[in-house]
Structures are given as C-alpha cells and as structure tokens.
Amino acid sequence: MDEPIGQIDGDDADDLLRRALIDPDASAAVALKVHGLALTDALTVVFHGRADLGTIQTYIAHGPRTAGSAIGAGELLRVPCDLDLGDAESRGEAEEAYAEQARTLRDALLAADTVLAIWREPLAELTEGEVTIDRSLDLAVRLPAHRLMPVALVAPERRLTITPVCGARTLAEGRPPLGIACAQQDISRVYPLPDDPERCLEDFAQLAAEHARRMADRLDHQEVSVRRFLELNGDEFPPAG
C-alpha cells in the first residue's frame, strides 16, 4: 500500500486512516514514499499497527514501493519514531494527526539526508580517500543511538562510518532529536545535525587519536604485567593457595 503524504484529503484520508488505524482483530499497515533525497533514489516509510503491540510502529525500506508490493522483514529498518493517534477525539482529528505526524517524519528524513550529503566532501578531504555510500540495514560498527535511515557514508581506509541517528519518541511529540553519528571500531560520538561537518570531523579525529593512545598505553601496561608474572614464575614463585 503506497500513498504520498501530500494527498491526505477527501477520500484519500479515509482510505489512509482505514489502513493506518489498528483493528482490534487484525493488523494494519500503511506506506508512504519519500522522494527528493540526495544519497538514495527514494525511501518507503511503513507504519504498522497491531493490537497486541499497542503501538503503530515505524519502519523504513529502500525504494519507492508500488501499491500491493510485498516488503520482507529483512528489508525493513526499525525506527523508534512511532505514530500516536491516541489523543484524537474524532475521525477528523485522527486524519489531521496522521497527516501532521507523517509530514514530520518525512521532513526529518529529508533534513538528515541533506546534511549527510553535505558531510561527504569534508569526509573525503579529511580521509584523503574514497568515500562510499552504504545502504545496508546492518552496519559493521556499533552506534550510540538509533538509526534514522538506512544510508551511511563510509571511509573504508579509516574504517569510519557516518550516519543519521535519532532519539526515540512518538511523532506526536514533534520532530525527534536528530544527529549525525561518527563511529570507528569501538568509539563513537553523535553531533547535532546543524553542526559544521569539518569541525565535527576534526573533533572526532582527536577523539580517535586519544583513544588510540589510551589503548597503546593499556597494551604496554598489560605487556609489562605479563613480563613481571613470567619473571616471578622463573624465580620459582610459590603457587597461590
């Protein structure tokens, strides 16, 4: 099921709402397309509601999906920014709430995609290497926040991944907190969406350098500890206990 956000009046609103609201005896899903993105052709947002879940959950998939097309679970990225129509006191209010919340998510995706595209050039200059676009659902690094969309910039030579992230909140509360996460092996940091990419990358480079120094010091300490232990055993150190 596929409808653009902009067409939510008249019969379209009734049809969308019929599919978006939870039926006590079944589940329902409604999808909308997000076009005009810089780093991917299009995204499809799926709102899925089930009575036993008690929420209308949000998922995002690649590509513009046509009406009736099937989307496998392995193609969906769970985004913790769910619809909340619980405060609507009438069908009309529910229609308005759905339209507003759907637009909120669409605008967040467009903003994050635009900012991520701006990061691409500074990242290439900093790393002095190739920057690729990773559209997979699973990244090779751990992130400190939830992913907003299945798109990331990757600098393979530095093993550095940059992707939009968000805070968990319902769309009824407005646009979720957004940021850009930089992740490299076992370190990561989230920067506010409006921050200057060059400043953020310089800050993260310093963070990575400090982390590397700490790891080197820890390895040196562990090596000395093992060497001392072996020296003690060489001197017939009595066993513990």
C-alpha atoms as a PDB file:
ATOM      1  CA  MET A   1       0.000   0.000   0.000  1.00  0.00           C
ATOM      2  CA  ASP A   2       1.509   3.229  -1.115  1.00  0.00           C
ATOM      3  CA  GLU A   3       0.402   6.851  -0.799  1.00  0.00           C
ATOM      4  CA  PRO A   4       2.431  10.079  -0.824  1.00  0.00           C
ATOM      5  CA  ILE A   5       1.990  12.319   2.200  1.00  0.00           C
ATOM      6  CA  GLY A   6       0.781  15.252   0.177  1.00  0.00           C
ATOM      7  CA  GLN A   7      -2.500  13.556  -0.755  1.00  0.00           C
ATOM      8  CA  ILE A   8      -4.337  13.422   2.526  1.00  0.00           C
ATOM      9  CA  ASP A   9      -7.735  14.946   2.000  1.00  0.00           C
ATOM     10  CA  GLY A  10     -11.163  13.762   0.983  1.00  0.00           C
ATOM     11  CA  ASP A  11     -11.428  10.083   0.123  1.00  0.00           C
ATOM     12  CA  ASP A  12      -7.640   9.644   0.361  1.00  0.00           C
ATOM     13  CA  ALA A  13      -7.716  10.489   4.057  1.00  0.00           C
ATOM     14  CA  ASP A  14     -10.474   7.941   4.698  1.00  0.00           C
ATOM     15  CA  ASP A  15      -8.550   5.267   2.830  1.00  0.00           C
ATOM     16  CA  LEU A  16      -5.271   6.004   4.633  1.00  0.00           C
ATOM     17  CA  LEU A  17      -6.901   6.108   8.004  1.00  0.00           C
ATOM     18  CA  ARG A  18      -8.749   2.858   7.357  1.00  0.00           C
ATOM     19  CA  ARG A  19      -5.377   1.191   6.774  1.00  0.00           C
ATOM     20  CA  ALA A  20      -3.373   3.062   9.421  1.00  0.00           C
ATOM     21  CA  LEU A  21      -5.596   2.584  12.458  1.00  0.00           C
ATOM     22  CA  ILE A  22      -5.415  -0.600  14.485  1.00  0.00           C
ATOM     23  CA  ASP A  23      -8.241  -3.061  14.028  1.00  0.00           C
ATOM     24  CA  PRO A  24      -8.779  -4.973  17.287  1.00  0.00           C
ATOM     25  CA  ASP A  25      -8.985  -8.269  15.363  1.00  0.00           C
ATOM     26  CA  ALA A  26      -6.162  -7.708  12.874  1.00  0.00           C
ATOM     27  CA  SER A  27      -3.101  -5.730  11.934  1.00  0.00           C
ATOM     28  CA  ALA A  28      -2.882  -2.841   9.502  1.00  0.00           C
ATOM     29  CA  ALA A  29      -0.097  -1.114   7.617  1.00  0.00           C
ATOM     30  CA  VAL A  30       0.194   2.000   5.503  1.00  0.00           C
ATOM     31  CA  ALA A  31       3.194   3.106   3.457  1.00  0.00           C
ATOM     32  CA  LEU A  32       4.292   6.440   2.081  1.00  0.00           C
ATOM     33  CA  LYS A  33       7.069   7.384  -0.317  1.00  0.00           C
ATOM     34  CA  VAL A  34       9.800   9.938   0.372  1.00  0.00           C
ATOM     35  CA  HIS A  35      11.346  11.374  -2.794  1.00  0.00           C
ATOM     36  CA  GLY A  36      13.835  14.170  -3.404  1.00  0.00           C
ATOM     37  CA  LEU A  37      16.712  12.567  -1.486  1.00  0.00           C
ATOM     38  CA  ALA A  38      20.357  13.255  -2.289  1.00  0.00           C
ATOM     39  CA  LEU A  39      22.002   9.942  -1.363  1.00  0.00           C
ATOM     40  CA  THR A  40      19.360   7.405  -2.382  1.00  0.00           C
ATOM     41  CA  ASP A  41      16.623   7.309  -5.002  1.00  0.00           C
ATOM     42  CA  ALA A  42      13.716   7.088  -2.591  1.00  0.00           C
ATOM     43  CA  LEU A  43      12.616   5.616   0.719  1.00  0.00           C
ATOM     44  CA  THR A  44       9.363   3.997   1.742  1.00  0.00           C
ATOM     45  CA  VAL A  45       8.078   4.525   5.265  1.00  0.00           C
ATOM     46  CA  VAL A  46       5.835   1.792   6.635  1.00  0.00           C
ATOM     47  CA  PHE A  47       3.586   2.404   9.628  1.00  0.00           C
ATOM     48  CA  HIS A  48       2.456  -0.928  11.030  1.00  0.00           C
ATOM     49  CA  GLY A  49      -0.084  -1.356  13.793  1.00  0.00           C
ATOM     50  CA  ARG A  50      -1.111  -4.494  15.667  1.00  0.00           C
ATOM     51  CA  ALA A  51      -3.487  -4.769  18.568  1.00  0.00           C
ATOM     52  CA  ASP A  52      -1.101  -6.949  20.578  1.00  0.00           C
ATOM     53  CA  LEU A  53       1.751  -4.447  20.196  1.00  0.00           C
ATOM     54  CA  GLY A  54      -0.227  -1.454  21.390  1.00  0.00           C
ATOM     55  CA  THR A  55       1.721   0.874  19.074  1.00  0.00           C
ATOM     56  CA  ILE A  56       1.857   1.889  15.442  1.00  0.00           C
ATOM     57  CA  GLN A  57       5.487   1.107  14.697  1.00  0.00           C
ATOM     58  CA  THR A  58       7.630   2.799  12.059  1.00  0.00           C
ATOM     59  CA  TYR A  59       9.865   1.031   9.556  1.00  0.00           C
ATOM     60  CA  ILE A  60      11.847   2.329   6.582  1.00  0.00           C
ATOM     61  CA  ALA A  61      12.786   0.477   3.397  1.00  0.00           C
ATOM     62  CA  HIS A  62      14.688   1.431   0.270  1.00  0.00           C
ATOM     63  CA  GLY A  63      12.989   2.365  -2.954  1.00  0.00           C
ATOM     64  CA  PRO A  64       9.550   3.597  -3.967  1.00  0.00           C
ATOM     65  CA  ARG A  65       7.276   0.608  -3.351  1.00  0.00           C
ATOM     66  CA  THR A  66       4.189   0.268  -5.507  1.00  0.00           C
ATOM     67  CA  ALA A  67       0.732  -0.430  -4.115  1.00  0.00           C
ATOM     68  CA  GLY A  68       0.342  -4.037  -3.037  1.00  0.00           C
ATOM     69  CA  SER A  69       4.062  -4.844  -3.237  1.00  0.00           C
ATOM     70  CA  ALA A  70       5.447  -7.124  -0.534  1.00  0.00           C
ATOM     71  CA  ILE A  71       8.285  -5.980   1.726  1.00  0.00           C
ATOM     72  CA  GLY A  72      10.234  -8.648   3.568  1.00  0.00           C
ATOM     73  CA  ALA A  73      11.249  -8.225   7.201  1.00  0.00           C
ATOM     74  CA  GLY A  74      14.905  -8.244   6.131  1.00  0.00           C
ATOM     75  CA  GLU A  75      14.282  -5.100   4.076  1.00  0.00           C
ATOM     76  CA  LEU A  76      12.896  -3.022   6.947  1.00  0.00           C
ATOM     77  CA  LEU A  77      14.825  -0.771   9.319  1.00  0.00           C
ATOM     78  CA  ARG A  78      13.010  -0.260  12.623  1.00  0.00           C
ATOM     79  CA  VAL A  79      12.937   3.431  13.559  1.00  0.00           C
ATOM     80  CA  PRO A  80      11.652   4.248  17.076  1.00  0.00           C
ATOM     81  CA  CYS A  81       9.547   7.235  15.988  1.00  0.00           C
ATOM     82  CA  ASP A  82       6.026   5.842  16.086  1.00  0.00           C
ATOM     83  CA  LEU A  83       2.647   7.261  15.180  1.00  0.00           C
ATOM     84  CA  ASP A  84       0.451   8.257  18.116  1.00  0.00           C
ATOM     85  CA  LEU A  85      -3.199   8.953  17.334  1.00  0.00           C
ATOM     86  CA  GLY A  86      -4.404   8.340  20.881  1.00  0.00           C
ATOM     87  CA  ASP A  87      -5.282  11.978  21.627  1.00  0.00           C
ATOM     88  CA  ALA A  88      -7.595  12.291  18.625  1.00  0.00           C
ATOM     89  CA  GLU A  89     -11.201  12.658  19.817  1.00  0.00           C
ATOM     90  CA  SER A  90     -12.776  12.260  16.389  1.00  0.00           C
ATOM     91  CA  ARG A  91     -12.074  10.809  12.984  1.00  0.00           C
ATOM     92  CA  GLY A  92     -11.285  14.262  11.659  1.00  0.00           C
ATOM     93  CA  GLU A  93      -8.730  14.881  14.396  1.00  0.00           C
ATOM     94  CA  ALA A  94      -7.181  11.478  13.679  1.00  0.00           C
ATOM     95  CA  GLU A  95      -6.845  12.381   9.998  1.00  0.00           C
ATOM     96  CA  GLU A  96      -5.134  15.652  10.873  1.00  0.00           C
ATOM     97  CA  ALA A  97      -2.830  13.978  13.408  1.00  0.00           C
ATOM     98  CA  TYR A  98      -1.809  11.285  10.935  1.00  0.00           C
ATOM     99  CA  ALA A  99      -1.071  13.811   8.191  1.00  0.00           C
ATOM    100  CA  GLU A 100       0.948  16.045  10.526  1.00  0.00           C
ATOM    101  CA  GLN A 101       2.981  13.210  12.025  1.00  0.00           C
ATOM    102  CA  ALA A 102       3.708  11.694   8.612  1.00  0.00           C
ATOM    103  CA  ARG A 103       4.944  15.073   7.387  1.00  0.00           C
ATOM    104  CA  THR A 104       7.091  15.398  10.499  1.00  0.00           C
ATOM    105  CA  LEU A 105       8.885  12.151   9.722  1.00  0.00           C
ATOM    106  CA  ARG A 106       9.222  12.978   6.041  1.00  0.00           C
ATOM    107  CA  ASP A 107      10.785  16.354   6.889  1.00  0.00           C
ATOM    108  CA  ALA A 108      13.189  14.691   9.333  1.00  0.00           C
ATOM    109  CA  LEU A 109      14.327  12.226   6.660  1.00  0.00           C
ATOM    110  CA  LEU A 110      14.826  14.990   4.095  1.00  0.00           C
ATOM    111  CA  ALA A 111      16.790  17.116   6.574  1.00  0.00           C
ATOM    112  CA  ALA A 112      19.042  14.244   7.643  1.00  0.00           C
ATOM    113  CA  ASP A 113      19.697  13.192   4.045  1.00  0.00           C
ATOM    114  CA  THR A 114      20.603  16.766   3.060  1.00  0.00           C
ATOM    115  CA  VAL A 115      23.021  17.139   5.965  1.00  0.00           C
ATOM    116  CA  LEU A 116      24.626  13.743   5.344  1.00  0.00           C
ATOM    117  CA  ALA A 117      25.235  14.721   1.714  1.00  0.00           C
ATOM    118  CA  ILE A 118      26.998  17.879   2.927  1.00  0.00           C
ATOM    119  CA  TRP A 119      29.320  15.716   5.057  1.00  0.00           C
ATOM    120  CA  ARG A 120      30.529  13.760   2.025  1.00  0.00           C
ATOM    121  CA  GLU A 121      33.058  16.280   0.687  1.00  0.00           C
ATOM    122  CA  PRO A 122      34.663  17.191   4.049  1.00  0.00           C
ATOM    123  CA  LEU A 123      34.937  13.480   4.852  1.00  0.00           C
ATOM    124  CA  ALA A 124      36.727  12.790   1.569  1.00  0.00           C
ATOM    125  CA  GLU A 125      39.132  15.684   2.207  1.00  0.00           C
ATOM    126  CA  LEU A 126      39.901  14.575   5.754  1.00  0.00           C
ATOM    127  CA  THR A 127      40.454  10.916   4.924  1.00  0.00           C
ATOM    128  CA  GLU A 128      42.157  11.616   1.581  1.00  0.00           C
ATOM    129  CA  GLY A 129      40.499   8.514   0.218  1.00  0.00           C
ATOM    130  CA  GLU A 130      37.351   7.102  -1.263  1.00  0.00           C
ATOM    131  CA  VAL A 131      34.001   7.692   0.423  1.00  0.00           C
ATOM    132  CA  THR A 132      31.267   5.168  -0.340  1.00  0.00           C
ATOM    133  CA  ILE A 133      27.535   5.141   0.366  1.00  0.00           C
ATOM    134  CA  ASP A 134      26.395   2.161   2.430  1.00  0.00           C
ATOM    135  CA  ARG A 135      22.685   1.441   2.050  1.00  0.00           C
ATOM    136  CA  SER A 136      22.631  -1.752   4.091  1.00  0.00           C
ATOM    137  CA  LEU A 137      20.437  -2.225   7.143  1.00  0.00           C
ATOM    138  CA  ASP A 138      23.262  -3.607   9.289  1.00  0.00           C
ATOM    139  CA  LEU A 139      26.463  -1.641   9.786  1.00  0.00           C
ATOM    140  CA  ALA A 140      29.834  -3.033  10.813  1.00  0.00           C
ATOM    141  CA  VAL A 141      30.066  -0.641  13.775  1.00  0.00           C
ATOM    142  CA  ARG A 142      28.040  -0.099  16.923  1.00  0.00           C
ATOM    143  CA  LEU A 143      26.164   3.182  17.172  1.00  0.00           C
ATOM    144  CA  PRO A 144      25.312   5.155  20.322  1.00  0.00           C
ATOM    145  CA  ALA A 145      21.797   5.977  19.087  1.00  0.00           C
ATOM    146  CA  HIS A 146      19.042   4.624  16.835  1.00  0.00           C
ATOM    147  CA  ARG A 147      19.474   4.881  13.072  1.00  0.00           C
ATOM    148  CA  LEU A 148      17.036   7.177  11.295  1.00  0.00           C
ATOM    149  CA  MET A 149      17.528   5.857   7.767  1.00  0.00           C
ATOM    150  CA  PRO A 150      19.385   3.006   6.037  1.00  0.00           C
ATOM    151  CA  VAL A 151      22.018   5.262   4.471  1.00  0.00           C
ATOM    152  CA  ALA A 152      25.562   5.890   5.683  1.00  0.00           C
ATOM    153  CA  LEU A 153      28.847   7.351   4.460  1.00  0.00           C
ATOM    154  CA  VAL A 154      31.847   5.056   4.834  1.00  0.00           C
ATOM    155  CA  ALA A 155      35.553   5.861   4.571  1.00  0.00           C
ATOM    156  CA  PRO A 156      36.946   2.319   4.158  1.00  0.00           C
ATOM    157  CA  GLU A 157      40.618   3.199   4.689  1.00  0.00           C
ATOM    158  CA  ARG A 158      39.806   4.789   8.074  1.00  0.00           C
ATOM    159  CA  ARG A 159      37.029   2.302   8.873  1.00  0.00           C
ATOM    160  CA  LEU A 160      34.911   5.337   9.647  1.00  0.00           C
ATOM    161  CA  THR A 161      31.125   5.303   9.319  1.00  0.00           C
ATOM    162  CA  ILE A 162      28.860   8.343   9.416  1.00  0.00           C
ATOM    163  CA  THR A 163      25.079   8.036   9.527  1.00  0.00           C
ATOM    164  CA  PRO A 164      21.998   9.950  10.739  1.00  0.00           C
ATOM    165  CA  VAL A 165      20.599   8.905  14.119  1.00  0.00           C
ATOM    166  CA  CYS A 166      17.592   9.890  16.187  1.00  0.00           C
ATOM    167  CA  GLY A 167      16.153   9.759  19.670  1.00  0.00           C
ATOM    168  CA  ALA A 168      13.183   7.539  20.496  1.00  0.00           C
ATOM    169  CA  ARG A 169       9.913   9.465  20.754  1.00  0.00           C
ATOM    170  CA  THR A 170       6.459   9.441  19.233  1.00  0.00           C
ATOM    171  CA  LEU A 171       5.803  11.647  16.236  1.00  0.00           C
ATOM    172  CA  ALA A 172       3.000  13.293  18.206  1.00  0.00           C
ATOM    173  CA  GLU A 173       5.751  14.965  20.253  1.00  0.00           C
ATOM    174  CA  GLY A 174       7.149  16.638  17.141  1.00  0.00           C
ATOM    175  CA  ARG A 175      10.329  16.057  15.204  1.00  0.00           C
ATOM    176  CA  PRO A 176      12.596  13.590  17.002  1.00  0.00           C
ATOM    177  CA  PRO A 177      16.046  14.687  18.179  1.00  0.00           C
ATOM    178  CA  LEU A 178      18.357  14.249  15.203  1.00  0.00           C
ATOM    179  CA  GLY A 179      22.106  13.935  14.917  1.00  0.00           C
ATOM    180  CA  ILE A 180      24.985  12.616  12.867  1.00  0.00           C
ATOM    181  CA  ALA A 181      26.870   9.686  14.391  1.00  0.00           C
ATOM    182  CA  CYS A 182      30.552   9.101  13.681  1.00  0.00           C
ATOM    183  CA  ALA A 183      31.688   5.574  14.509  1.00  0.00           C
ATOM    184  CA  GLN A 184      35.031   3.839  14.183  1.00  0.00           C
ATOM    185  CA  GLN A 185      35.654   0.392  15.666  1.00  0.00           C
ATOM    186  CA  ASP A 186      34.844   0.774  19.378  1.00  0.00           C
ATOM    187  CA  ILE A 187      34.460   4.566  19.575  1.00  0.00           C
ATOM    188  CA  SER A 188      31.564   6.755  18.507  1.00  0.00           C
ATOM    189  CA  ARG A 189      30.110  10.192  19.019  1.00  0.00           C
ATOM    190  CA  VAL A 190      26.898  11.942  17.986  1.00  0.00           C
ATOM    191  CA  TYR A 191      26.946  15.525  16.735  1.00  0.00           C
ATOM    192  CA  PRO A 192      23.908  17.817  16.419  1.00  0.00           C
ATOM    193  CA  LEU A 193      22.508  17.935  12.906  1.00  0.00           C
ATOM    194  CA  PRO A 194      23.285  21.658  12.319  1.00  0.00           C
ATOM    195  CA  ASP A 195      26.954  21.400  13.416  1.00  0.00           C
ATOM    196  CA  ASP A 196      29.720  22.178  10.945  1.00  0.00           C
ATOM    197  CA  PRO A 197      30.958  18.876   9.409  1.00  0.00           C
ATOM    198  CA  GLU A 198      34.616  19.966   9.296  1.00  0.00           C
ATOM    199  CA  ARG A 199      34.620  20.880  12.980  1.00  0.00           C
ATOM    200  CA  CYS A 200      32.894  17.619  13.880  1.00  0.00           C
ATOM    201  CA  LEU A 201      35.342  15.534  11.852  1.00  0.00           C
ATOM    202  CA  GLU A 202      38.319  17.309  13.424  1.00  0.00           C
ATOM    203  CA  ASP A 203      36.844  16.701  16.866  1.00  0.00           C
ATOM    204  CA  PHE A 204      36.265  13.024  16.108  1.00  0.00           C
ATOM    205  CA  ALA A 205      39.811  12.664  14.730  1.00  0.00           C
ATOM    206  CA  GLN A 206      41.135  14.000  18.041  1.00  0.00           C
ATOM    207  CA  LEU A 207      38.862  11.625  19.938  1.00  0.00           C
ATOM    208  CA  ALA A 208      40.118   8.698  17.860  1.00  0.00           C
ATOM    209  CA  ALA A 209      43.762   9.720  18.399  1.00  0.00           C
ATOM    210  CA  GLU A 210      43.261   9.964  22.168  1.00  0.00           C
ATOM    211  CA  HIS A 211      41.557   6.576  22.175  1.00  0.00           C
ATOM    212  CA  ALA A 212      44.442   5.061  20.217  1.00  0.00           C
ATOM    213  CA  ARG A 213      46.939   6.480  22.743  1.00  0.00           C
ATOM    214  CA  ARG A 214      44.975   5.084  25.665  1.00  0.00           C
ATOM    215  CA  MET A 215      44.801   1.677  24.002  1.00  0.00           C
ATOM    216  CA  ALA A 216      48.559   1.738  23.336  1.00  0.00           C
ATOM    217  CA  ASP A 217      49.247   2.637  26.979  1.00  0.00           C
ATOM    218  CA  ARG A 218      46.932  -0.158  28.145  1.00  0.00           C
ATOM    219  CA  LEU A 219      48.659  -2.710  25.905  1.00  0.00           C
ATOM    220  CA  ASP A 220      52.064  -1.592  27.174  1.00  0.00           C
ATOM    221  CA  HIS A 221      50.845  -1.923  30.758  1.00  0.00           C
ATOM    222  CA  GLN A 222      49.469  -5.399  30.095  1.00  0.00           C
ATOM    223  CA  GLU A 223      52.720  -6.452  28.437  1.00  0.00           C
ATOM    224  CA  VAL A 224      54.728  -5.296  31.452  1.00  0.00           C
ATOM    225  CA  SER A 225      52.324  -7.106  33.774  1.00  0.00           C
ATOM    226  CA  VAL A 226      52.729 -10.383  31.885  1.00  0.00           C
ATOM    227  CA  ARG A 227      56.513  -9.989  31.750  1.00  0.00           C
ATOM    228  CA  ARG A 228      56.683  -9.459  35.523  1.00  0.00           C
ATOM    229  CA  PHE A 229      54.466 -12.510  36.062  1.00  0.00           C
ATOM    230  CA  LEU A 230      56.755 -14.650  33.928  1.00  0.00           C
ATOM    231  CA  GLU A 231      59.784 -13.347  35.841  1.00  0.00           C
ATOM    232  CA  LEU A 232      58.167 -14.361  39.110  1.00  0.00           C
ATOM    233  CA  ASN A 233      57.445 -17.844  37.804  1.00  0.00           C
ATOM    234  CA  GLY A 234      61.005 -18.074  36.570  1.00  0.00           C
ATOM    235  CA  ASP A 235      62.138 -17.445  40.139  1.00  0.00           C
ATOM    236  CA  GLU A 236      60.044 -20.362  41.352  1.00  0.00           C
ATOM    237  CA  PHE A 237      57.323 -18.122  42.711  1.00  0.00           C
ATOM    238  CA  PRO A 238      55.206 -20.181  45.138  1.00  0.00           C
ATOM    239  CA  PRO A 239      51.702 -21.068  43.821  1.00  0.00           C
ATOM    240  CA  ALA A 240      48.743 -19.219  45.318  1.00  0.00           C
ATOM    241  CA  GLY A 241      46.678 -21.022  47.944  1.00  0.00           C
END
